Protein backbone atom coordinates (compact mmCIF):
# COMPACT_ATOMS: atom_id res chain seq x y z
CA MET A 1 41.11 127.25 136.73
CA ILE A 2 43.35 127.39 139.87
CA LYS A 3 46.98 126.44 137.76
CA ASP A 4 45.70 129.50 134.77
CA ALA A 5 45.10 131.93 138.32
CA SER A 6 48.55 131.36 139.27
CA SER A 7 49.96 131.26 135.73
CA SER A 8 48.23 134.38 135.13
CA SER A 9 48.88 136.32 138.73
CA SER A 10 53.02 135.66 137.71
CA SER A 11 52.65 136.59 134.24
CA SER A 12 50.91 139.63 135.72
CA SER A 13 53.75 140.44 138.22
CA SER A 14 56.67 139.82 135.67
CA LEU A 15 54.94 141.64 132.84
CA PHE A 16 55.16 145.40 134.78
CA GLN A 17 59.00 144.52 134.63
CA ILE A 18 59.52 143.48 131.34
CA SER A 19 57.30 146.51 129.94
CA ALA A 20 59.71 149.15 131.67
CA LYS A 21 62.39 147.40 130.08
CA THR A 22 60.64 147.09 126.73
CA LEU A 23 60.31 151.08 127.21
CA GLU A 24 63.59 151.92 128.14
CA GLU A 25 65.14 149.42 125.19
CA ALA A 26 62.75 151.44 122.66
CA PHE A 27 64.18 154.55 123.47
CA ALA A 28 67.42 153.73 123.46
CA GLN A 29 67.25 151.88 120.45
CA THR A 30 65.20 154.43 118.53
CA SER A 31 67.60 157.27 119.67
CA TYR A 32 70.68 154.97 118.94
CA LEU A 33 69.02 154.66 115.40
CA SER A 34 68.98 158.36 114.55
CA TYR A 35 72.18 158.85 115.61
CA GLU A 36 73.41 156.26 113.40
CA THR A 37 71.54 157.33 110.35
CA VAL A 38 73.37 161.08 110.94
CA LYS A 39 76.38 159.51 111.82
CA GLN A 40 76.72 157.78 108.64
CA SER A 41 74.96 160.33 106.43
CA THR A 42 77.90 162.67 107.44
CA GLN A 43 80.73 159.69 107.33
CA ARG A 44 80.12 158.75 103.70
CA ALA A 45 80.08 162.16 102.32
CA SER A 46 83.68 162.33 104.56
CA VAL A 47 85.23 158.99 103.45
CA PHE A 48 84.01 159.42 99.35
CA ALA A 49 86.48 163.60 100.09
CA ARG A 50 88.86 161.43 101.95
CA GLU A 51 89.47 159.15 99.65
CA LYS A 52 89.64 161.52 96.59
CA ALA A 53 92.19 163.25 98.71
CA LEU A 54 94.14 159.98 99.54
CA ARG A 55 93.94 159.30 95.66
CA GLU A 56 95.68 162.45 94.51
CA ARG A 57 97.94 162.60 97.34
CA GLU A 58 99.39 158.78 96.60
CA LYS A 59 99.91 160.24 92.64
CA ARG A 60 101.33 163.12 93.27
CA LYS A 61 103.73 161.35 96.25
CA GLU A 62 104.40 158.94 92.79
CA ALA A 63 105.21 161.21 90.68
CA SER A 64 107.97 162.90 92.85
CA GLU A 65 108.98 159.67 93.66
CA ARG A 66 109.18 158.67 90.11
CA ALA A 67 110.80 161.97 89.77
CA LYS A 68 113.47 161.62 92.35
CA LYS A 69 114.36 158.16 90.82
CA GLU A 70 115.20 159.51 87.79
CA LEU A 71 117.71 162.36 89.44
CA ARG A 72 119.00 159.32 91.22
CA GLU A 73 119.41 157.59 88.28
CA GLU A 74 120.80 160.22 85.99
CA HIS A 75 123.15 161.35 88.70
CA ALA A 76 124.72 157.52 89.29
CA ARG A 77 125.42 157.32 85.61
CA ILE A 78 127.10 160.68 85.82
CA GLU A 79 129.03 159.35 87.96
CA ARG A 80 129.84 156.37 86.34
CA GLU A 81 130.64 158.32 83.10
CA ILE A 82 133.20 160.31 84.75
CA GLU A 83 134.74 157.06 86.62
CA ARG A 84 134.78 155.04 83.01
CA ARG A 85 136.66 158.30 81.30
CA LEU A 86 139.28 158.42 84.18
CA GLU A 87 140.07 154.61 84.09
CA ARG A 88 140.55 155.06 80.40
CA LYS A 89 142.71 157.86 80.96
CA LYS A 90 144.83 155.94 83.33
CA GLU A 91 144.79 152.90 81.20
CA GLU A 92 146.18 154.80 78.23
CA GLU A 93 149.11 156.23 80.58
CA LYS A 94 149.61 152.83 81.38
CA GLU A 95 150.16 151.44 77.74
CA GLU A 96 151.87 155.04 76.44
CA LYS A 97 154.64 154.10 79.01
CA LYS A 98 154.82 150.76 78.47
CA GLU A 99 155.37 151.32 74.53
CA GLU A 100 158.01 153.94 75.58
CA SER A 101 159.93 151.18 77.51
CA GLU A 102 159.55 148.69 74.97
CA GLU A 103 160.98 150.59 72.65
CA GLY A 104 164.05 151.98 74.70
CA PHE A 105 164.36 148.65 74.91
CA SER A 106 164.80 147.54 71.67
CA ASP A 107 166.59 150.32 69.85
CA GLY A 108 168.80 152.07 72.19
CA ASN A 109 169.80 154.34 68.93
CA PHE A 110 166.73 155.84 68.05
CA CYS A 111 166.99 159.48 66.48
CA ARG A 112 166.43 161.89 69.43
CA HIS A 113 164.98 164.52 67.14
CA ARG A 114 161.83 161.37 66.37
CA GLU A 115 161.95 161.24 70.34
CA LYS A 116 161.24 164.96 70.12
CA GLU A 117 158.63 164.89 67.65
CA ARG A 118 156.69 162.09 69.16
CA ASP A 119 157.34 163.78 73.01
CA GLU A 120 155.44 166.90 71.13
CA THR A 121 152.81 164.96 68.88
CA LYS A 122 152.00 163.07 72.86
CA GLN A 123 151.96 166.19 74.37
CA LYS A 124 149.62 167.77 71.86
CA GLU A 125 147.18 164.51 71.84
CA CYS A 126 147.46 164.53 75.86
CA GLU A 127 146.58 168.23 75.76
CA GLU A 128 143.26 167.53 73.34
CA ARG A 129 142.31 165.34 75.09
CA SER A 130 142.86 166.92 78.46
CA GLU A 131 140.83 169.81 77.04
CA HIS A 132 137.67 167.29 76.00
CA GLU A 133 137.80 165.92 79.06
CA LYS A 134 137.27 169.23 80.98
CA LYS A 135 134.66 170.03 78.11
CA ASP A 136 133.12 166.58 79.44
CA ILE A 137 133.61 167.59 82.94
CA VAL A 138 131.77 171.12 82.71
CA ARG A 139 128.95 169.17 80.49
CA LEU A 140 128.54 166.29 83.33
CA GLU A 141 128.63 169.33 86.01
CA SER A 142 126.15 171.66 84.34
CA GLU A 143 123.62 168.47 83.57
CA ALA A 144 123.90 167.73 87.30
CA ALA A 145 123.58 171.20 88.57
CA ARG A 146 120.40 171.56 85.74
CA LEU A 147 118.78 168.04 88.02
CA LYS A 148 119.48 169.51 91.44
CA GLN A 149 117.55 172.34 90.50
CA LYS A 150 114.81 170.23 88.88
CA GLN A 151 114.96 168.46 92.31
CA THR A 152 114.80 171.23 94.29
CA LEU A 153 111.40 172.63 92.62
CA LEU A 154 109.92 169.42 92.45
CA GLU A 155 110.68 169.68 96.29
CA VAL A 156 109.35 173.08 96.05
CA GLU A 157 106.11 171.62 94.55
CA PHE A 158 105.49 168.56 96.80
CA GLU A 159 105.52 170.79 99.90
CA ILE A 160 103.03 174.11 98.28
CA GLU A 161 100.45 170.78 97.29
CA THR A 162 100.90 169.21 100.97
CA LYS A 163 100.73 173.00 102.53
CA ARG A 164 97.09 173.24 99.69
CA GLU A 165 95.99 169.76 100.72
CA ALA A 166 96.22 169.69 104.44
CA GLU A 167 94.51 174.02 104.29
CA ARG A 168 91.61 171.61 101.91
CA SER A 169 91.30 169.43 104.86
CA GLU A 170 90.84 171.81 107.33
CA ARG A 171 88.26 173.46 105.06
CA GLU A 172 86.25 170.22 104.98
CA ALA A 173 86.79 169.18 108.54
CA ARG A 174 85.03 172.66 109.60
CA LEU A 175 82.38 172.15 107.05
CA LYS A 176 81.70 168.60 108.18
CA GLU A 177 81.64 170.00 111.97
CA LYS A 178 79.27 172.13 110.95
CA GLU A 179 77.11 169.45 109.21
CA ARG A 180 77.44 167.71 112.44
CA SER A 181 76.41 170.26 114.88
CA ARG A 182 73.36 170.49 112.45
CA GLU A 183 72.15 167.01 112.41
CA LEU A 184 73.08 166.54 116.17
CA GLU A 185 70.47 169.61 116.76
CA LYS A 186 68.16 168.26 114.93
CA LEU A 187 68.59 164.86 116.22
CA ARG A 188 68.26 166.48 119.66
CA LYS A 189 64.94 167.09 118.80
CA GLU A 190 63.93 164.39 117.28
CA VAL A 191 65.09 162.42 120.67
CA GLU A 192 63.46 165.03 123.38
CA VAL A 193 59.75 164.30 120.79
CA THR A 194 60.33 160.37 121.47
CA LYS A 195 61.31 160.73 124.95
CA GLU A 196 58.10 162.57 125.79
CA THR A 197 55.96 160.05 123.26
CA LEU A 198 57.78 157.13 125.44
CA GLU A 199 56.99 158.70 128.92
CA ASN A 200 53.48 159.35 127.93
CA GLU A 201 53.23 155.47 127.22
CA GLN A 202 54.85 154.18 130.59
CA LEU A 203 52.28 156.52 132.11
CA SER A 204 49.49 154.77 130.65
CA HIS A 205 51.09 151.40 131.14
CA GLU A 206 51.88 151.70 134.35
CA ARG A 207 48.06 152.64 135.36
CA PHE A 208 47.09 149.31 133.57
CA VAL A 209 49.59 147.35 135.53
CA GLN A 210 48.26 149.27 138.86
CA SER A 211 44.86 147.77 137.84
CA MET A 212 46.12 144.26 137.61
CA LEU A 213 48.08 144.02 140.50
CA GLY A 214 45.07 144.63 142.99
CA ASP A 215 43.74 140.68 141.37
CA ALA A 216 47.53 139.61 141.50
CA THR A 217 47.58 139.74 145.23
CA PHE A 218 45.02 136.89 145.91
CA TRP A 219 46.57 134.80 143.67
CA THR A 220 50.17 135.17 145.00
CA SER A 221 48.58 134.21 148.23
CA GLU A 222 47.27 131.59 147.02
CA VAL A 223 49.77 130.45 145.25
CA GLU A 224 51.83 130.52 148.39
CA ARG A 225 49.45 128.15 149.88
CA ARG A 226 49.87 125.58 146.83
CA ASN A 227 53.75 126.32 146.74
CA GLU A 228 53.98 125.19 150.87
CA LYS A 229 52.03 122.10 149.60
CA ARG A 230 54.35 121.35 146.88
CA GLU A 231 57.17 121.69 150.05
CA GLU A 232 56.44 119.18 151.83
CA ASP A 233 55.23 116.80 149.44
CA ALA A 234 58.64 117.51 147.77
CA GLU A 235 60.60 117.33 151.43
CA SER A 236 58.48 113.45 151.65
CA GLU A 237 59.69 112.94 148.23
CA ARG A 238 63.22 113.32 149.25
CA LYS A 239 63.30 111.79 152.61
CA ALA A 240 62.20 108.35 150.41
CA LEU A 241 64.62 109.09 148.12
CA LEU A 242 67.08 109.61 150.41
CA GLU A 243 66.26 105.57 151.69
CA THR A 244 66.23 104.22 148.37
CA LEU A 245 70.10 106.34 148.04
CA GLU A 246 71.68 104.79 151.27
CA ARG A 247 70.04 101.14 150.35
CA THR A 248 71.71 101.52 147.17
CA ASP A 249 74.89 102.44 148.31
CA ALA A 250 75.11 99.77 150.72
CA LYS A 251 74.74 97.54 147.43
CA ALA A 252 77.00 99.62 145.66
CA THR A 253 79.87 98.63 148.48
CA ARG A 254 78.96 95.08 148.80
CA LEU A 255 79.31 94.76 145.13
CA GLU A 256 82.63 97.01 145.26
CA GLU A 257 83.73 94.26 148.05
CA ALA A 258 82.43 91.56 145.73
CA LYS A 259 84.81 93.12 143.16
CA ASP A 260 87.72 93.53 145.36
CA ALA A 261 87.69 90.12 146.50
CA LEU A 262 86.74 88.58 142.40
CA ARG A 263 89.87 91.15 141.20
CA LYS A 264 92.34 89.76 144.20
CA GLU A 265 91.17 85.83 143.42
CA MET A 266 92.08 87.21 139.82
CA GLU A 267 95.73 88.16 140.56
CA ARG A 268 96.39 85.28 142.53
CA ARG A 269 95.59 82.72 139.55
CA ASP A 270 97.40 85.14 137.13
CA ALA A 271 100.43 84.80 139.58
CA ARG A 272 100.33 81.23 140.54
CA LEU A 273 99.87 81.13 136.20
CA LYS A 274 103.31 82.58 135.53
CA MET A 275 104.75 80.90 138.36
CA ASN A 276 103.75 77.59 136.92
CA ALA A 277 105.23 78.97 133.68
CA ARG A 278 108.84 79.97 135.22
CA ILE A 279 108.97 76.57 136.69
CA LYS A 280 107.68 74.80 133.45
CA GLU A 281 110.51 76.72 131.51
CA ARG A 282 113.37 76.33 134.18
CA VAL A 283 112.42 72.51 133.79
CA SER A 284 112.33 72.28 130.53
CA ALA A 285 115.83 74.51 130.23
CA GLN A 286 116.98 71.51 132.63
CA ILE A 287 115.81 68.54 130.17
CA VAL A 288 117.65 69.99 127.41
CA ILE A 289 121.12 70.63 129.24
CA ALA A 290 120.72 67.00 130.45
CA ARG A 291 120.08 65.81 126.89
CA CYS A 292 123.00 68.23 125.99
CA PHE A 293 125.16 66.77 128.72
CA ARG A 294 124.47 63.12 127.75
CA THR A 295 125.20 63.59 124.37
CA HIS A 296 128.13 65.39 125.25
CA ARG A 297 129.24 62.32 127.42
CA GLU A 298 128.62 60.20 125.31
CA ARG A 299 130.98 61.64 122.45
CA LYS A 300 133.52 61.76 125.06
CA ARG A 301 133.26 58.15 125.33
CA GLU A 302 133.51 57.33 121.77
CA SER A 303 136.15 59.44 121.40
CA GLU A 304 138.36 57.98 124.11
CA LEU A 305 137.14 54.27 122.86
CA LEU A 306 138.42 55.42 119.31
CA GLU A 307 141.88 56.72 120.92
CA LYS A 308 142.25 53.62 122.67
CA SER A 309 141.55 51.52 119.95
CA ALA A 310 144.21 53.25 117.88
CA SER A 311 147.00 53.47 120.39
CA LYS A 312 146.26 49.41 120.69
CA LYS A 313 146.91 49.56 117.14
CA LYS A 314 150.14 51.46 116.87
CA LYS A 315 151.29 49.20 119.94
CA LYS A 316 151.10 46.09 117.70
CA LYS A 317 152.46 47.93 114.86
CA LYS A 318 155.25 48.96 116.74
CA LYS A 319 155.62 45.04 118.17
CA LYS A 320 155.82 43.48 114.27
CA GLN A 321 158.23 45.87 113.33
CA LYS A 322 160.58 45.32 116.51
CA GLY A 323 160.22 41.45 116.03
CA ALA A 324 161.16 41.77 112.20
CA ALA A 325 164.24 43.51 113.18
CA THR A 326 165.35 40.99 115.53
CA THR A 327 165.21 38.08 112.51
CA THR A 328 167.16 40.55 110.34
CA LYS A 329 169.59 40.89 113.13
CA ALA A 330 169.80 37.07 113.28
CA VAL A 331 169.97 36.16 109.82
CA LYS A 332 173.25 38.67 108.86
CA PRO A 333 176.11 36.61 110.79
CA ARG A 334 175.30 33.18 108.74
């Protein structure tokens, strides 16, 4: 029973705060939702109109860019044609000069009247060619002027379209602003109505909470008394826990000391084992060196004995040769 009463008192004290917060949140949520609905309804139409205008603007822009690209290609084609004709003319002049030089070298006694006729025919051909080229240049220049005029017309049309688009967007913006102001006025009225209803609910809730606070005062005092008793019990438990912690700390320190001693003993044992291993390696190396020295000394002794026996054999052989020589000397005078 006492636990239920304490929980009911704490819940009643916190209920007032929660209810006030919920009322404020509900008021803010309703105002925000109404504003969002109006905003979305206004934005949806504006988004569709904006997308349509953007698509039309992109189409016009693509058409103007396509026309400009065609004009640039036409200008480039005309320039290439003029350059090609000029190069052809230069090559023909070079070939004519080359032919004249070859003919002059091949036949020096060629008739003068033939040369004059050739010069006249060449001059006529050059004049005709120059007239044709002039006509072509005039035609190309007229085409370039026509294309340039077409480009200016397209640019003027594009500027007019941009101005119309700007005026249309301004009109749409004004209409949207009017609709938005109308919707905001409607939204403001709705917010005022919801605010009045929420204030009435808040007043009724405050009256209910005031009636609950009378019951909560008794249970708050009872809860405070129990909390004091609980704190005393917790203090005694804390002291007992501290004593146990001190004992465990002492045991832990002893355990750490034992671990340190064991670690040091293990380190000393490892050092002894390493020293014994080094001594064994040194002794085995000395044994190997002694064996090698012994085998070397035995081989040296054997080689010395072999050399001595070989020298003795040589001496005996020399003595025999000397004896044979003396006997031959003694036999010859007879």
